[in-house]
Amino acid sequence: MAAYLVVGVCALALTYFSTPGVRWLAVRLGLIVQPSDRKVHAHPTPTLGGGAIFTGMVGAGIVAVLLPQQEFRQVFTSSSEPLGIAAGGLIIFTLGVVDDVRDLPAPVKLAGQIFASGIVYLAGVQLRFIPLPDQVISLGADVSVLVTVLWLVVIINAVNLVDGLDGLAAGIVAIAASAFFVYTYQLEATEDLYLAPTAPLVAIIVVGSALGFLRHNFHPATIFMG
């Protein structure tokens, strides 16, 4: 548990301290969300906060690689999942930046989200089983890819839609990732995670990054994720 806390705290610190620099860059580039009838904030607010979150997550991942814990080394040596998640995150971040600058059409954004989700799927992050109270449903490869990509696209858009309210997106992500970390950590402790325990590591990194950003995004928000 201590190693996970170290990685989570690193994600929090990196995100927290990089957010002011990202905010400064957003102001210099003119990436400002203006108040309007469809917005709830009263003052112009910089966007591009996803850059700080991405920085915190990648930095914490590097810290995890450098730590001596065997389970962390196993994540990066026996699985392509971390690389796929990082690549997918980079695509979504780049798509978001371009959208902030040019206001991309919805079909273009959807195509980019599907492409990023497809990369994550090909890297090994796949929904293969659906556990029910009395049985476990096994999904074939053709169904698994559809369900996994659909789920990722839905979550991407759900978080994006709630980003306009101070602290809402970061808060929801922090809470959800915390619950996911507790669940997957227990699975790892009981040896129910048969492969490298990527899930709890990614979850704690997301928790730290979201909390680090939340300090700047809490009301009154000084920056949005974008």
C-alpha atoms as a PDB file:
ATOM      1  CA  MET A   1       0.000   0.000   0.000  1.00  0.00           C
ATOM      2  CA  ALA A   2       2.840   2.414   0.831  1.00  0.00           C
ATOM      3  CA  ALA A   3       4.197   2.225  -2.723  1.00  0.00           C
ATOM      4  CA  TYR A   4       0.787   3.087  -4.141  1.00  0.00           C
ATOM      5  CA  LEU A   5       0.540   6.070  -1.809  1.00  0.00           C
ATOM      6  CA  VAL A   6       3.965   7.287  -2.955  1.00  0.00           C
ATOM      7  CA  VAL A   7       2.887   7.131  -6.592  1.00  0.00           C
ATOM      8  CA  GLY A   8      -0.439   8.825  -5.829  1.00  0.00           C
ATOM      9  CA  VAL A   9       1.217  11.645  -3.886  1.00  0.00           C
ATOM     10  CA  CYS A  10       3.687  12.168  -6.738  1.00  0.00           C
ATOM     11  CA  ALA A  11       0.790  12.433  -9.199  1.00  0.00           C
ATOM     12  CA  LEU A  12      -0.922  14.948  -6.899  1.00  0.00           C
ATOM     13  CA  ALA A  13       2.197  17.070  -6.444  1.00  0.00           C
ATOM     14  CA  LEU A  14       3.170  17.089 -10.116  1.00  0.00           C
ATOM     15  CA  THR A  15      -0.328  18.074 -11.190  1.00  0.00           C
ATOM     16  CA  TYR A  16      -0.702  20.687  -8.475  1.00  0.00           C
ATOM     17  CA  PHE A  17       2.598  22.430  -9.194  1.00  0.00           C
ATOM     18  CA  SER A  18       2.333  22.232 -12.985  1.00  0.00           C
ATOM     19  CA  THR A  19      -1.207  23.671 -13.154  1.00  0.00           C
ATOM     20  CA  PRO A  20      -0.153  27.338 -12.648  1.00  0.00           C
ATOM     21  CA  GLY A  21       2.303  27.020 -15.536  1.00  0.00           C
ATOM     22  CA  VAL A  22      -0.363  25.479 -17.745  1.00  0.00           C
ATOM     23  CA  ARG A  23      -2.769  28.245 -16.763  1.00  0.00           C
ATOM     24  CA  TRP A  24      -0.165  30.872 -17.705  1.00  0.00           C
ATOM     25  CA  LEU A  25       0.325  29.172 -21.080  1.00  0.00           C
ATOM     26  CA  ALA A  26      -3.436  29.026 -21.699  1.00  0.00           C
ATOM     27  CA  VAL A  27      -3.725  32.757 -21.023  1.00  0.00           C
ATOM     28  CA  ARG A  28      -0.822  33.517 -23.357  1.00  0.00           C
ATOM     29  CA  LEU A  29      -2.415  31.405 -26.105  1.00  0.00           C
ATOM     30  CA  GLY A  30      -5.824  32.972 -25.563  1.00  0.00           C
ATOM     31  CA  LEU A  31      -7.473  29.685 -24.575  1.00  0.00           C
ATOM     32  CA  ILE A  32     -10.112  31.316 -22.389  1.00  0.00           C
ATOM     33  CA  VAL A  33     -13.689  30.160 -21.795  1.00  0.00           C
ATOM     34  CA  GLN A  34     -15.892  33.251 -21.894  1.00  0.00           C
ATOM     35  CA  PRO A  35     -19.091  33.541 -19.812  1.00  0.00           C
ATOM     36  CA  SER A  36     -22.300  33.046 -21.780  1.00  0.00           C
ATOM     37  CA  ASP A  37     -25.918  31.989 -21.381  1.00  0.00           C
ATOM     38  CA  ARG A  38     -24.808  28.354 -21.669  1.00  0.00           C
ATOM     39  CA  LYS A  39     -22.008  28.698 -19.096  1.00  0.00           C
ATOM     40  CA  VAL A  40     -22.355  28.976 -15.332  1.00  0.00           C
ATOM     41  CA  HIS A  41     -19.068  30.704 -14.520  1.00  0.00           C
ATOM     42  CA  ALA A  42     -19.145  34.483 -14.135  1.00  0.00           C
ATOM     43  CA  HIS A  43     -15.604  35.339 -15.251  1.00  0.00           C
ATOM     44  CA  PRO A  44     -13.379  34.391 -18.201  1.00  0.00           C
ATOM     45  CA  THR A  45     -11.533  31.202 -17.202  1.00  0.00           C
ATOM     46  CA  PRO A  46      -8.482  29.619 -18.845  1.00  0.00           C
ATOM     47  CA  THR A  47      -8.778  26.084 -20.142  1.00  0.00           C
ATOM     48  CA  LEU A  48      -6.034  23.531 -21.029  1.00  0.00           C
ATOM     49  CA  GLY A  49      -5.965  22.097 -17.499  1.00  0.00           C
ATOM     50  CA  GLY A  50      -5.818  18.610 -18.978  1.00  0.00           C
ATOM     51  CA  GLY A  51      -2.178  19.331 -19.760  1.00  0.00           C
ATOM     52  CA  ALA A  52      -1.348  19.497 -16.063  1.00  0.00           C
ATOM     53  CA  ILE A  53      -3.287  16.299 -15.389  1.00  0.00           C
ATOM     54  CA  PHE A  54      -1.521  14.494 -18.214  1.00  0.00           C
ATOM     55  CA  THR A  55       1.835  15.723 -16.895  1.00  0.00           C
ATOM     56  CA  GLY A  56       1.036  14.431 -13.413  1.00  0.00           C
ATOM     57  CA  MET A  57      -0.056  11.038 -14.704  1.00  0.00           C
ATOM     58  CA  VAL A  58       2.970  10.497 -16.941  1.00  0.00           C
ATOM     59  CA  GLY A  59       5.344  11.734 -14.237  1.00  0.00           C
ATOM     60  CA  ALA A  60       3.805   9.433 -11.645  1.00  0.00           C
ATOM     61  CA  GLY A  61       4.082   6.558 -14.101  1.00  0.00           C
ATOM     62  CA  ILE A  62       7.793   7.243 -14.444  1.00  0.00           C
ATOM     63  CA  VAL A  63       8.118   7.278 -10.655  1.00  0.00           C
ATOM     64  CA  ALA A  64       6.384   3.885 -10.529  1.00  0.00           C
ATOM     65  CA  VAL A  65       8.912   2.519 -13.028  1.00  0.00           C
ATOM     66  CA  LEU A  66      11.796   3.714 -10.867  1.00  0.00           C
ATOM     67  CA  LEU A  67      10.451   2.267  -7.617  1.00  0.00           C
ATOM     68  CA  PRO A  68      11.882  -1.124  -6.583  1.00  0.00           C
ATOM     69  CA  GLN A  69       8.471  -2.799  -6.066  1.00  0.00           C
ATOM     70  CA  GLN A  70       8.275  -6.001  -8.115  1.00  0.00           C
ATOM     71  CA  GLU A  71       4.580  -5.647  -8.921  1.00  0.00           C
ATOM     72  CA  PHE A  72       5.155  -2.254 -10.518  1.00  0.00           C
ATOM     73  CA  ARG A  73       7.989  -3.577 -12.664  1.00  0.00           C
ATOM     74  CA  GLN A  74       5.722  -6.407 -13.728  1.00  0.00           C
ATOM     75  CA  VAL A  75       3.122  -3.892 -14.932  1.00  0.00           C
ATOM     76  CA  PHE A  76       5.572  -2.287 -17.341  1.00  0.00           C
ATOM     77  CA  THR A  77       7.528  -5.371 -18.406  1.00  0.00           C
ATOM     78  CA  SER A  78       4.754  -7.918 -18.961  1.00  0.00           C
ATOM     79  CA  SER A  79       1.971  -5.707 -20.325  1.00  0.00           C
ATOM     80  CA  SER A  80       1.489  -3.070 -23.010  1.00  0.00           C
ATOM     81  CA  GLU A  81      -1.471  -1.589 -21.121  1.00  0.00           C
ATOM     82  CA  PRO A  82       0.384   1.384 -19.551  1.00  0.00           C
ATOM     83  CA  LEU A  83       1.804   2.442 -22.919  1.00  0.00           C
ATOM     84  CA  GLY A  84      -1.593   2.093 -24.564  1.00  0.00           C
ATOM     85  CA  ILE A  85      -3.280   4.131 -21.842  1.00  0.00           C
ATOM     86  CA  ALA A  86      -0.630   6.859 -22.168  1.00  0.00           C
ATOM     87  CA  ALA A  87      -1.015   6.901 -25.968  1.00  0.00           C
ATOM     88  CA  GLY A  88      -4.786   7.074 -25.733  1.00  0.00           C
ATOM     89  CA  GLY A  89      -4.570   9.850 -23.161  1.00  0.00           C
ATOM     90  CA  LEU A  90      -2.197  11.822 -25.374  1.00  0.00           C
ATOM     91  CA  ILE A  91      -4.613  11.543 -28.307  1.00  0.00           C
ATOM     92  CA  ILE A  92      -7.554  12.709 -26.203  1.00  0.00           C
ATOM     93  CA  PHE A  93      -5.515  15.589 -24.767  1.00  0.00           C
ATOM     94  CA  THR A  94      -4.374  16.681 -28.237  1.00  0.00           C
ATOM     95  CA  LEU A  95      -7.947  16.425 -29.519  1.00  0.00           C
ATOM     96  CA  GLY A  96      -9.127  18.581 -26.633  1.00  0.00           C
ATOM     97  CA  VAL A  97      -6.498  21.253 -27.265  1.00  0.00           C
ATOM     98  CA  VAL A  98      -7.401  21.440 -30.965  1.00  0.00           C
ATOM     99  CA  ASP A  99     -11.082  21.611 -30.025  1.00  0.00           C
ATOM    100  CA  ASP A 100     -10.400  24.507 -27.645  1.00  0.00           C
ATOM    101  CA  VAL A 101      -8.640  26.359 -30.451  1.00  0.00           C
ATOM    102  CA  ARG A 102     -10.820  25.513 -33.453  1.00  0.00           C
ATOM    103  CA  ASP A 103     -14.101  24.150 -32.013  1.00  0.00           C
ATOM    104  CA  LEU A 104     -14.067  20.836 -33.872  1.00  0.00           C
ATOM    105  CA  PRO A 105     -17.282  19.333 -35.303  1.00  0.00           C
ATOM    106  CA  ALA A 106     -18.866  16.594 -33.216  1.00  0.00           C
ATOM    107  CA  PRO A 107     -18.197  13.802 -35.781  1.00  0.00           C
ATOM    108  CA  VAL A 108     -14.479  14.665 -35.815  1.00  0.00           C
ATOM    109  CA  LYS A 109     -14.274  14.571 -32.023  1.00  0.00           C
ATOM    110  CA  LEU A 110     -16.171  11.272 -31.930  1.00  0.00           C
ATOM    111  CA  ALA A 111     -13.814   9.750 -34.501  1.00  0.00           C
ATOM    112  CA  GLY A 112     -10.805  10.828 -32.440  1.00  0.00           C
ATOM    113  CA  GLN A 113     -12.334   9.371 -29.277  1.00  0.00           C
ATOM    114  CA  ILE A 114     -13.026   6.061 -31.009  1.00  0.00           C
ATOM    115  CA  PHE A 115      -9.470   5.986 -32.374  1.00  0.00           C
ATOM    116  CA  ALA A 116      -7.971   6.619 -28.920  1.00  0.00           C
ATOM    117  CA  SER A 117     -10.253   4.003 -27.332  1.00  0.00           C
ATOM    118  CA  GLY A 118      -9.269   1.519 -30.030  1.00  0.00           C
ATOM    119  CA  ILE A 119      -5.589   1.979 -29.201  1.00  0.00           C
ATOM    120  CA  VAL A 120      -6.311   1.384 -25.522  1.00  0.00           C
ATOM    121  CA  TYR A 121      -8.221  -1.768 -26.435  1.00  0.00           C
ATOM    122  CA  LEU A 122      -5.423  -3.080 -28.647  1.00  0.00           C
ATOM    123  CA  ALA A 123      -2.968  -2.458 -25.789  1.00  0.00           C
ATOM    124  CA  GLY A 124      -4.879  -4.969 -23.671  1.00  0.00           C
ATOM    125  CA  VAL A 125      -7.418  -2.888 -21.730  1.00  0.00           C
ATOM    126  CA  GLN A 126     -10.467  -4.972 -22.612  1.00  0.00           C
ATOM    127  CA  LEU A 127     -13.840  -5.741 -21.072  1.00  0.00           C
ATOM    128  CA  ARG A 128     -13.955  -9.516 -21.433  1.00  0.00           C
ATOM    129  CA  PHE A 129     -16.284 -10.538 -18.616  1.00  0.00           C
ATOM    130  CA  ILE A 130     -19.429  -9.097 -17.052  1.00  0.00           C
ATOM    131  CA  PRO A 131     -19.831 -10.426 -13.468  1.00  0.00           C
ATOM    132  CA  LEU A 132     -23.405 -10.888 -12.281  1.00  0.00           C
ATOM    133  CA  PRO A 133     -24.620 -12.055  -8.843  1.00  0.00           C
ATOM    134  CA  ASP A 134     -25.161 -15.662  -9.993  1.00  0.00           C
ATOM    135  CA  GLN A 135     -22.961 -15.949 -13.081  1.00  0.00           C
ATOM    136  CA  VAL A 136     -20.179 -14.428 -15.143  1.00  0.00           C
ATOM    137  CA  ILE A 137     -20.883 -13.560 -18.769  1.00  0.00           C
ATOM    138  CA  SER A 138     -17.909 -14.092 -21.071  1.00  0.00           C
ATOM    139  CA  LEU A 139     -17.703 -11.765 -24.074  1.00  0.00           C
ATOM    140  CA  GLY A 140     -16.281 -12.822 -27.407  1.00  0.00           C
ATOM    141  CA  ALA A 141     -13.612 -10.724 -29.064  1.00  0.00           C
ATOM    142  CA  ASP A 142     -16.087  -9.114 -31.497  1.00  0.00           C
ATOM    143  CA  VAL A 143     -18.431  -8.101 -28.685  1.00  0.00           C
ATOM    144  CA  SER A 144     -15.618  -7.137 -26.308  1.00  0.00           C
ATOM    145  CA  VAL A 145     -14.160  -4.538 -28.654  1.00  0.00           C
ATOM    146  CA  LEU A 146     -17.553  -2.912 -29.200  1.00  0.00           C
ATOM    147  CA  VAL A 147     -18.438  -2.811 -25.508  1.00  0.00           C
ATOM    148  CA  THR A 148     -14.985  -1.585 -24.435  1.00  0.00           C
ATOM    149  CA  VAL A 149     -14.767   1.204 -27.018  1.00  0.00           C
ATOM    150  CA  LEU A 150     -18.371   2.255 -26.392  1.00  0.00           C
ATOM    151  CA  TRP A 151     -17.791   2.394 -22.634  1.00  0.00           C
ATOM    152  CA  LEU A 152     -14.627   4.468 -22.992  1.00  0.00           C
ATOM    153  CA  VAL A 153     -16.279   6.931 -25.396  1.00  0.00           C
ATOM    154  CA  VAL A 154     -19.266   7.330 -23.060  1.00  0.00           C
ATOM    155  CA  ILE A 155     -17.011   8.032 -20.056  1.00  0.00           C
ATOM    156  CA  ILE A 156     -14.880  10.496 -22.047  1.00  0.00           C
ATOM    157  CA  ASN A 157     -17.948  12.513 -23.024  1.00  0.00           C
ATOM    158  CA  ALA A 158     -19.526  12.258 -19.571  1.00  0.00           C
ATOM    159  CA  VAL A 159     -16.460  13.820 -17.934  1.00  0.00           C
ATOM    160  CA  ASN A 160     -16.225  16.430 -20.682  1.00  0.00           C
ATOM    161  CA  LEU A 161     -19.859  17.484 -20.203  1.00  0.00           C
ATOM    162  CA  VAL A 162     -19.461  18.191 -16.469  1.00  0.00           C
ATOM    163  CA  ASP A 163     -16.176  20.088 -16.839  1.00  0.00           C
ATOM    164  CA  GLY A 164     -17.913  23.485 -16.916  1.00  0.00           C
ATOM    165  CA  LEU A 165     -18.889  23.427 -13.232  1.00  0.00           C
ATOM    166  CA  ASP A 166     -16.251  24.296 -10.644  1.00  0.00           C
ATOM    167  CA  GLY A 167     -14.693  21.152  -9.226  1.00  0.00           C
ATOM    168  CA  LEU A 168     -17.368  18.802 -10.556  1.00  0.00           C
ATOM    169  CA  ALA A 169     -15.418  16.836 -13.163  1.00  0.00           C
ATOM    170  CA  ALA A 170     -12.240  16.511 -11.080  1.00  0.00           C
ATOM    171  CA  GLY A 171     -14.255  15.664  -7.973  1.00  0.00           C
ATOM    172  CA  ILE A 172     -16.310  12.952  -9.659  1.00  0.00           C
ATOM    173  CA  VAL A 173     -13.201  11.433 -11.261  1.00  0.00           C
ATOM    174  CA  ALA A 174     -11.355  11.446  -7.923  1.00  0.00           C
ATOM    175  CA  ILE A 175     -14.242   9.721  -6.135  1.00  0.00           C
ATOM    176  CA  ALA A 176     -14.789   7.131  -8.878  1.00  0.00           C
ATOM    177  CA  ALA A 177     -11.071   6.365  -9.196  1.00  0.00           C
ATOM    178  CA  SER A 178     -10.757   6.029  -5.404  1.00  0.00           C
ATOM    179  CA  ALA A 179     -13.532   3.438  -5.342  1.00  0.00           C
ATOM    180  CA  PHE A 180     -11.947   1.653  -8.290  1.00  0.00           C
ATOM    181  CA  PHE A 181      -8.563   1.624  -6.554  1.00  0.00           C
ATOM    182  CA  VAL A 182      -9.993   0.094  -3.364  1.00  0.00           C
ATOM    183  CA  TYR A 183     -11.801  -2.576  -5.378  1.00  0.00           C
ATOM    184  CA  THR A 184      -8.863  -3.537  -7.599  1.00  0.00           C
ATOM    185  CA  TYR A 185      -6.374  -3.371  -4.720  1.00  0.00           C
ATOM    186  CA  GLN A 186      -8.488  -5.907  -2.848  1.00  0.00           C
ATOM    187  CA  LEU A 187      -8.552  -8.109  -5.941  1.00  0.00           C
ATOM    188  CA  GLU A 188      -4.764  -7.918  -6.091  1.00  0.00           C
ATOM    189  CA  ALA A 189      -4.447  -8.701  -2.367  1.00  0.00           C
ATOM    190  CA  THR A 190      -6.607 -11.818  -2.775  1.00  0.00           C
ATOM    191  CA  GLU A 191      -4.706 -12.801  -5.930  1.00  0.00           C
ATOM    192  CA  ASP A 192      -7.790 -12.448  -8.126  1.00  0.00           C
ATOM    193  CA  LEU A 193      -5.837 -10.246 -10.555  1.00  0.00           C
ATOM    194  CA  TYR A 194      -4.088 -12.924 -12.544  1.00  0.00           C
ATOM    195  CA  LEU A 195      -2.201 -10.532 -14.798  1.00  0.00           C
ATOM    196  CA  ALA A 196       0.024  -7.584 -13.905  1.00  0.00           C
ATOM    197  CA  PRO A 197      -1.968  -5.305 -11.559  1.00  0.00           C
ATOM    198  CA  THR A 198      -2.259  -2.358 -13.932  1.00  0.00           C
ATOM    199  CA  ALA A 199      -5.708  -1.342 -12.686  1.00  0.00           C
ATOM    200  CA  PRO A 200      -4.878  -0.271  -9.090  1.00  0.00           C
ATOM    201  CA  LEU A 201      -1.733   1.549 -10.245  1.00  0.00           C
ATOM    202  CA  VAL A 202      -3.588   3.532 -12.908  1.00  0.00           C
ATOM    203  CA  ALA A 203      -6.443   4.199 -10.492  1.00  0.00           C
ATOM    204  CA  ILE A 204      -4.218   5.702  -7.781  1.00  0.00           C
ATOM    205  CA  ILE A 205      -2.441   7.852 -10.378  1.00  0.00           C
ATOM    206  CA  VAL A 206      -5.808   9.169 -11.556  1.00  0.00           C
ATOM    207  CA  VAL A 207      -6.844   9.880  -7.960  1.00  0.00           C
ATOM    208  CA  GLY A 208      -3.676  11.877  -7.274  1.00  0.00           C
ATOM    209  CA  SER A 209      -3.849  13.822 -10.542  1.00  0.00           C
ATOM    210  CA  ALA A 210      -7.522  14.681 -10.061  1.00  0.00           C
ATOM    211  CA  LEU A 211      -6.968  15.871  -6.496  1.00  0.00           C
ATOM    212  CA  GLY A 212      -3.942  17.927  -7.504  1.00  0.00           C
ATOM    213  CA  PHE A 213      -5.982  19.653 -10.200  1.00  0.00           C
ATOM    214  CA  LEU A 214      -9.042  20.013  -7.973  1.00  0.00           C
ATOM    215  CA  ARG A 215      -7.273  22.548  -5.747  1.00  0.00           C
ATOM    216  CA  HIS A 216      -7.116  24.953  -8.715  1.00  0.00           C
ATOM    217  CA  ASN A 217     -10.474  23.915 -10.172  1.00  0.00           C
ATOM    218  CA  PHE A 218     -12.490  24.198  -6.954  1.00  0.00           C
ATOM    219  CA  HIS A 219     -14.849  27.165  -6.637  1.00  0.00           C
ATOM    220  CA  PRO A 220     -13.963  29.767  -7.722  1.00  0.00           C
ATOM    221  CA  ALA A 221     -12.175  27.832 -10.471  1.00  0.00           C
ATOM    222  CA  THR A 222      -9.050  29.430 -11.924  1.00  0.00           C
ATOM    223  CA  ILE A 223      -8.766  26.865 -14.740  1.00  0.00           C
ATOM    224  CA  PHE A 224     -10.854  24.213 -16.481  1.00  0.00           C
ATOM    225  CA  MET A 225      -9.733  20.855 -17.858  1.00  0.00           C
ATOM    226  CA  GLY A 226     -10.622  21.709 -21.441  1.00  0.00           C
END
